[in-house]
Each structure stands twice: as structure tokens, then as C-alpha cells.
N, C-alpha and C. Protein backbone atom coordinates (compact mmCIF):
# COMPACT_ATOMS: atom_id res chain seq x y z
N MET A 1 -4.91 15.07 13.08
CA MET A 1 -4.57 14.87 11.79
C MET A 1 -5.23 13.57 11.39
N THR A 2 -5.93 13.67 10.28
CA THR A 2 -6.68 12.52 9.71
C THR A 2 -5.69 11.67 8.83
N LEU A 3 -6.14 10.40 8.61
CA LEU A 3 -5.34 9.56 7.82
C LEU A 3 -4.91 10.22 6.47
N TRP A 4 -5.91 10.70 5.76
CA TRP A 4 -5.60 11.37 4.39
C TRP A 4 -4.67 12.44 4.52
N GLN A 5 -4.67 13.27 5.63
CA GLN A 5 -3.70 14.30 5.86
C GLN A 5 -2.33 13.77 6.00
N ALA A 6 -2.27 12.64 6.77
CA ALA A 6 -0.94 12.07 6.96
C ALA A 6 -0.38 11.44 5.70
N ILE A 7 -1.31 10.74 4.85
CA ILE A 7 -0.88 10.24 3.55
C ILE A 7 -0.42 11.35 2.59
N LEU A 8 -1.15 12.53 2.62
CA LEU A 8 -0.83 13.64 1.79
C LEU A 8 0.48 14.24 2.22
N LEU A 9 0.80 14.37 3.52
CA LEU A 9 2.01 14.80 4.04
C LEU A 9 3.19 13.93 3.71
N ALA A 10 2.98 12.51 3.81
CA ALA A 10 4.08 11.71 3.44
C ALA A 10 4.32 11.66 1.93
N SER A 11 3.31 11.92 1.15
CA SER A 11 3.41 12.06 -0.32
C SER A 11 4.31 13.28 -0.64
N ILE A 12 3.92 14.35 0.02
CA ILE A 12 4.66 15.70 -0.27
C ILE A 12 6.14 15.49 0.18
N LEU A 13 6.45 14.72 1.33
CA LEU A 13 7.74 14.53 1.73
C LEU A 13 8.51 13.68 0.73
N CYS A 14 7.92 12.65 0.15
CA CYS A 14 8.54 11.79 -0.86
C CYS A 14 8.93 12.57 -2.08
N VAL A 15 7.97 13.50 -2.53
CA VAL A 15 8.27 14.36 -3.65
C VAL A 15 9.48 15.30 -3.34
N VAL A 16 9.42 15.92 -2.16
CA VAL A 16 10.48 16.88 -1.75
C VAL A 16 11.83 16.10 -1.69
N ALA A 17 11.87 14.87 -1.15
CA ALA A 17 13.02 14.09 -1.12
C ALA A 17 13.53 13.83 -2.46
N LYS A 18 12.59 13.49 -3.38
CA LYS A 18 12.98 13.18 -4.78
C LYS A 18 13.71 14.31 -5.49
N ILE A 19 13.06 15.53 -5.25
CA ILE A 19 13.52 16.79 -5.82
C ILE A 19 14.94 17.03 -5.11
N LEU A 20 15.02 17.07 -3.81
CA LEU A 20 16.28 17.16 -3.27
C LEU A 20 17.35 16.20 -3.69
N GLY A 21 16.99 15.11 -4.26
CA GLY A 21 18.01 14.24 -4.80
C GLY A 21 18.74 14.71 -5.90
N TYR A 22 18.23 15.66 -6.63
CA TYR A 22 18.95 16.32 -7.69
C TYR A 22 19.90 17.46 -7.23
N VAL A 23 19.60 17.90 -5.98
CA VAL A 23 20.42 18.94 -5.44
C VAL A 23 21.53 18.48 -4.45
N ILE A 24 21.24 17.53 -3.72
CA ILE A 24 22.17 16.93 -2.71
C ILE A 24 23.25 16.16 -3.54
N PRO A 25 24.49 16.18 -3.03
CA PRO A 25 25.53 15.47 -3.71
C PRO A 25 25.24 14.03 -3.64
N PRO A 26 25.53 13.27 -4.72
CA PRO A 26 25.10 11.82 -4.83
C PRO A 26 25.83 10.90 -3.74
N HIS A 27 27.07 11.32 -3.28
CA HIS A 27 27.66 10.50 -2.28
C HIS A 27 27.01 10.60 -0.97
N TRP A 28 26.16 11.56 -0.62
CA TRP A 28 25.34 11.67 0.59
C TRP A 28 24.18 10.61 0.50
N LEU A 29 23.61 10.50 -0.66
CA LEU A 29 22.40 9.74 -0.78
C LEU A 29 22.80 8.12 -1.01
N GLU A 30 24.02 7.92 -1.29
CA GLU A 30 24.45 6.56 -1.51
C GLU A 30 24.79 5.75 -0.21
N LYS A 31 24.90 6.56 0.81
CA LYS A 31 25.04 5.90 2.21
C LYS A 31 23.78 4.98 2.44
N PRO A 32 24.05 3.94 3.29
CA PRO A 32 22.99 3.00 3.56
C PRO A 32 21.77 3.62 4.29
N THR A 33 22.01 4.45 5.25
CA THR A 33 20.84 4.94 5.96
C THR A 33 19.89 5.77 5.18
N PRO A 34 20.27 6.79 4.37
CA PRO A 34 19.35 7.60 3.55
C PRO A 34 18.71 6.71 2.45
N ALA A 35 19.41 5.83 1.87
CA ALA A 35 18.78 5.02 0.78
C ALA A 35 17.73 4.18 1.38
N ARG A 36 17.99 3.52 2.54
CA ARG A 36 16.96 2.59 3.19
C ARG A 36 15.86 3.39 3.58
N THR A 37 16.01 4.62 4.17
CA THR A 37 14.91 5.41 4.57
C THR A 37 13.97 5.66 3.41
N MET A 38 14.48 6.15 2.32
CA MET A 38 13.73 6.47 1.12
C MET A 38 12.94 5.29 0.63
N ASP A 39 13.55 4.16 0.62
CA ASP A 39 12.89 2.90 0.13
C ASP A 39 11.78 2.58 1.13
N LEU A 40 11.97 2.60 2.41
CA LEU A 40 10.95 2.13 3.35
C LEU A 40 9.74 3.18 3.42
N THR A 41 10.10 4.50 3.27
CA THR A 41 9.02 5.55 3.16
C THR A 41 8.04 5.22 2.09
N THR A 42 8.53 4.90 1.00
CA THR A 42 7.71 4.58 -0.15
C THR A 42 6.81 3.36 0.05
N VAL A 43 7.51 2.34 0.64
CA VAL A 43 6.65 1.10 0.94
C VAL A 43 5.69 1.34 2.06
N ALA A 44 5.94 2.14 3.05
CA ALA A 44 5.11 2.40 4.05
C ALA A 44 3.92 3.21 3.64
N LEU A 45 4.16 4.13 2.70
CA LEU A 45 3.10 5.00 2.18
C LEU A 45 2.06 4.17 1.40
N LEU A 46 2.59 3.21 0.54
CA LEU A 46 1.75 2.48 -0.34
C LEU A 46 1.02 1.46 0.56
N ALA A 47 1.62 0.93 1.63
CA ALA A 47 0.94 -0.09 2.43
C ALA A 47 -0.16 0.59 3.17
N ALA A 48 0.03 1.85 3.75
CA ALA A 48 -1.05 2.58 4.39
C ALA A 48 -2.12 2.84 3.49
N LEU A 49 -1.89 3.21 2.20
CA LEU A 49 -3.01 3.44 1.21
C LEU A 49 -3.74 2.22 0.97
N VAL A 50 -3.08 1.13 0.78
CA VAL A 50 -3.82 -0.16 0.47
C VAL A 50 -4.69 -0.45 1.76
N ALA A 51 -4.07 -0.38 3.00
CA ALA A 51 -4.90 -0.75 4.23
C ALA A 51 -6.05 0.20 4.26
N TYR A 52 -5.97 1.38 4.18
CA TYR A 52 -6.96 2.42 4.20
C TYR A 52 -8.10 2.12 3.26
N LEU A 53 -7.72 1.85 1.99
CA LEU A 53 -8.80 1.57 1.01
C LEU A 53 -9.40 0.16 1.23
N ALA A 54 -8.69 -0.73 1.81
CA ALA A 54 -9.36 -2.07 2.00
C ALA A 54 -10.28 -2.10 3.24
N LEU A 55 -9.94 -1.22 4.14
CA LEU A 55 -10.72 -1.21 5.44
C LEU A 55 -11.72 -0.04 5.65
N HIS A 56 -11.70 0.94 4.73
CA HIS A 56 -12.53 2.09 4.92
C HIS A 56 -13.98 1.87 4.72
N GLY A 57 -14.69 2.39 5.68
CA GLY A 57 -16.15 2.20 5.55
C GLY A 57 -16.83 3.66 5.56
N PRO A 58 -18.10 3.70 5.66
CA PRO A 58 -18.77 5.03 5.71
C PRO A 58 -18.38 5.82 6.90
N GLY A 59 -17.93 7.05 6.80
CA GLY A 59 -17.51 7.89 7.90
C GLY A 59 -16.14 7.51 8.31
N GLN A 60 -16.01 7.25 9.62
CA GLN A 60 -14.69 6.90 10.18
C GLN A 60 -14.79 5.38 10.64
N SER A 61 -15.77 4.57 10.16
CA SER A 61 -16.06 3.24 10.61
C SER A 61 -15.09 2.23 9.89
N LEU A 62 -14.90 1.19 10.55
CA LEU A 62 -14.06 0.08 10.00
C LEU A 62 -15.02 -0.81 9.19
N HIS A 63 -14.73 -1.22 7.99
CA HIS A 63 -15.59 -1.86 7.06
C HIS A 63 -14.87 -3.15 6.63
N LEU A 64 -15.36 -4.31 7.08
CA LEU A 64 -14.69 -5.58 6.64
C LEU A 64 -15.51 -6.26 5.65
N ASP A 65 -15.09 -6.46 4.46
CA ASP A 65 -15.78 -7.03 3.44
C ASP A 65 -14.79 -7.80 2.51
N ALA A 66 -15.21 -8.13 1.35
CA ALA A 66 -14.45 -9.06 0.38
C ALA A 66 -13.19 -8.40 -0.04
N ARG A 67 -12.97 -7.10 0.08
CA ARG A 67 -11.72 -6.46 -0.24
C ARG A 67 -10.60 -6.94 0.67
N LEU A 68 -10.99 -7.00 1.93
CA LEU A 68 -9.94 -7.42 2.96
C LEU A 68 -9.34 -8.77 2.65
N ALA A 69 -10.28 -9.75 2.39
CA ALA A 69 -9.93 -11.13 2.00
C ALA A 69 -9.03 -11.09 0.76
N ALA A 70 -9.42 -10.21 -0.27
CA ALA A 70 -8.67 -10.17 -1.51
C ALA A 70 -7.35 -9.73 -1.37
N VAL A 71 -7.24 -8.59 -0.32
CA VAL A 71 -5.89 -8.15 -0.10
C VAL A 71 -5.09 -9.12 0.77
N GLY A 72 -5.71 -9.90 1.59
CA GLY A 72 -5.01 -10.97 2.27
C GLY A 72 -4.37 -12.00 1.41
N VAL A 73 -5.22 -12.51 0.48
CA VAL A 73 -4.80 -13.45 -0.42
C VAL A 73 -3.59 -12.84 -1.46
N ALA A 74 -3.82 -11.64 -1.76
CA ALA A 74 -2.68 -11.07 -2.64
C ALA A 74 -1.53 -11.00 -1.74
N GLY A 75 -1.60 -10.65 -0.53
CA GLY A 75 -0.44 -10.52 0.33
C GLY A 75 0.37 -11.82 0.43
N VAL A 76 -0.47 -12.94 0.72
CA VAL A 76 0.22 -14.23 0.79
C VAL A 76 0.77 -14.56 -0.53
N LEU A 77 0.26 -14.26 -1.60
CA LEU A 77 0.82 -14.72 -2.93
C LEU A 77 2.05 -13.87 -3.27
N LEU A 78 2.08 -12.58 -2.81
CA LEU A 78 3.21 -11.83 -3.00
C LEU A 78 4.38 -12.30 -2.13
N ALA A 79 4.01 -12.80 -0.84
CA ALA A 79 5.04 -13.34 0.05
C ALA A 79 5.73 -14.52 -0.49
N VAL A 80 4.91 -15.32 -1.32
CA VAL A 80 5.60 -16.60 -1.85
C VAL A 80 6.11 -16.27 -3.32
N ARG A 81 6.24 -15.08 -3.68
CA ARG A 81 6.76 -14.56 -4.94
C ARG A 81 6.01 -15.07 -6.12
N ALA A 82 4.71 -15.11 -6.12
CA ALA A 82 3.87 -15.36 -7.29
C ALA A 82 3.96 -14.29 -8.23
N PRO A 83 3.72 -14.57 -9.55
CA PRO A 83 3.73 -13.49 -10.58
C PRO A 83 2.63 -12.51 -10.36
N PHE A 84 2.94 -11.26 -10.64
CA PHE A 84 1.93 -10.22 -10.31
C PHE A 84 0.50 -10.39 -10.94
N VAL A 85 0.41 -11.00 -12.17
CA VAL A 85 -0.73 -11.31 -12.83
C VAL A 85 -1.62 -12.32 -11.96
N VAL A 86 -0.95 -13.30 -11.50
CA VAL A 86 -1.53 -14.31 -10.66
C VAL A 86 -2.03 -13.77 -9.44
N VAL A 87 -1.33 -12.76 -8.73
CA VAL A 87 -1.74 -12.11 -7.54
C VAL A 87 -3.08 -11.36 -7.85
N VAL A 88 -3.03 -10.50 -8.97
CA VAL A 88 -4.20 -9.72 -9.16
C VAL A 88 -5.43 -10.56 -9.52
N ILE A 89 -5.33 -11.58 -10.26
CA ILE A 89 -6.44 -12.43 -10.65
C ILE A 89 -6.86 -13.17 -9.46
N ALA A 90 -6.05 -13.68 -8.57
CA ALA A 90 -6.46 -14.41 -7.40
C ALA A 90 -7.23 -13.50 -6.43
N GLY A 91 -6.76 -12.27 -6.29
CA GLY A 91 -7.48 -11.37 -5.42
C GLY A 91 -8.86 -10.97 -5.92
N ALA A 92 -8.97 -10.84 -7.27
CA ALA A 92 -10.26 -10.59 -7.90
C ALA A 92 -11.17 -11.77 -7.76
N VAL A 93 -10.66 -12.88 -7.99
CA VAL A 93 -11.43 -14.17 -7.98
C VAL A 93 -11.99 -14.34 -6.42
N THR A 94 -11.01 -14.17 -5.56
CA THR A 94 -11.47 -14.27 -3.99
C THR A 94 -12.61 -13.35 -3.63
N ALA A 95 -12.45 -11.99 -4.15
CA ALA A 95 -13.53 -11.01 -3.77
C ALA A 95 -14.79 -11.42 -4.50
N ALA A 96 -14.66 -11.80 -5.73
CA ALA A 96 -15.89 -12.19 -6.49
C ALA A 96 -16.61 -13.43 -5.95
N LEU A 97 -15.86 -14.40 -5.52
CA LEU A 97 -16.47 -15.59 -4.93
C LEU A 97 -17.22 -15.35 -3.59
N LEU A 98 -16.43 -14.50 -2.72
CA LEU A 98 -17.16 -14.21 -1.47
C LEU A 98 -18.38 -13.45 -1.63
N ARG A 99 -18.39 -12.56 -2.60
CA ARG A 99 -19.62 -11.77 -2.96
C ARG A 99 -20.69 -12.66 -3.48
N LEU A 100 -20.35 -13.53 -4.32
CA LEU A 100 -21.30 -14.51 -5.09
C LEU A 100 -21.92 -15.35 -4.03
N TRP A 101 -21.17 -15.90 -3.14
CA TRP A 101 -21.70 -16.77 -2.04
C TRP A 101 -22.40 -16.01 -0.90
N GLY A 102 -22.22 -14.64 -0.97
CA GLY A 102 -23.01 -13.94 0.05
C GLY A 102 -22.25 -13.85 1.42
N TRP A 103 -21.01 -14.16 1.49
CA TRP A 103 -20.17 -14.14 2.73
C TRP A 103 -19.76 -12.81 3.02
N ALA A 104 -19.65 -11.91 2.00
CA ALA A 104 -19.20 -10.60 2.12
C ALA A 104 -19.87 -9.65 1.29
N SER A 105 -19.80 -8.37 1.64
CA SER A 105 -20.59 -7.39 0.65
C SER A 105 -19.62 -6.80 -0.33
């Protein structure tokens, strides 16, 4: 199974779980375990997609460039609860400066 197949499968499972939410009695989904599982599945899916897009190179190779540094800066800023606009701008500026200085492609 390739990474994209796993992402597609996880996406389908999220949609199915959302649809089942209308069919399953609400008191089943209000328990801590199902609610936490649904929250973490969404976070894991988005994290996997960001990591794949930041590290994907030609073919199946690993490609380290300015995107990785930009995602790293954004992650640090999100961890310290910076406003989202600041996170996006800082990531873009980081990638742009690394490319300008020739340190990354």
C-alpha cells in the first residue's frame, strides 16, 4: 500500500464515520473514546498529508528543501500559539529567504 492509498483510505474512513454519526445514537458518540478517536484520526490524516507534501521528491525519494524549514517554523509558531496569519507569513518568508540565499531549492 502506497502512502496515497493509505491517505485515501483514511479519508474514506473519516467520511464514513461522519455519515455514521447521523445514524448512530448520539449517546454512543459522546463517550470519551469514540470522540477522541475521531479527533485524533483527523489530526493524524492532516499531519500525514503535510509531511508527505513537505518531503515528497521525484519518484519515491526524500526531498529536503525550503518547504521542510517552512513547515518546521510554522510548527514551532503553532506550538507557541501564534496567530495563524503570523504562522503562514513566517513559513512563507522562511522558504523565500532560504531560496533567495541559495541554501535550499
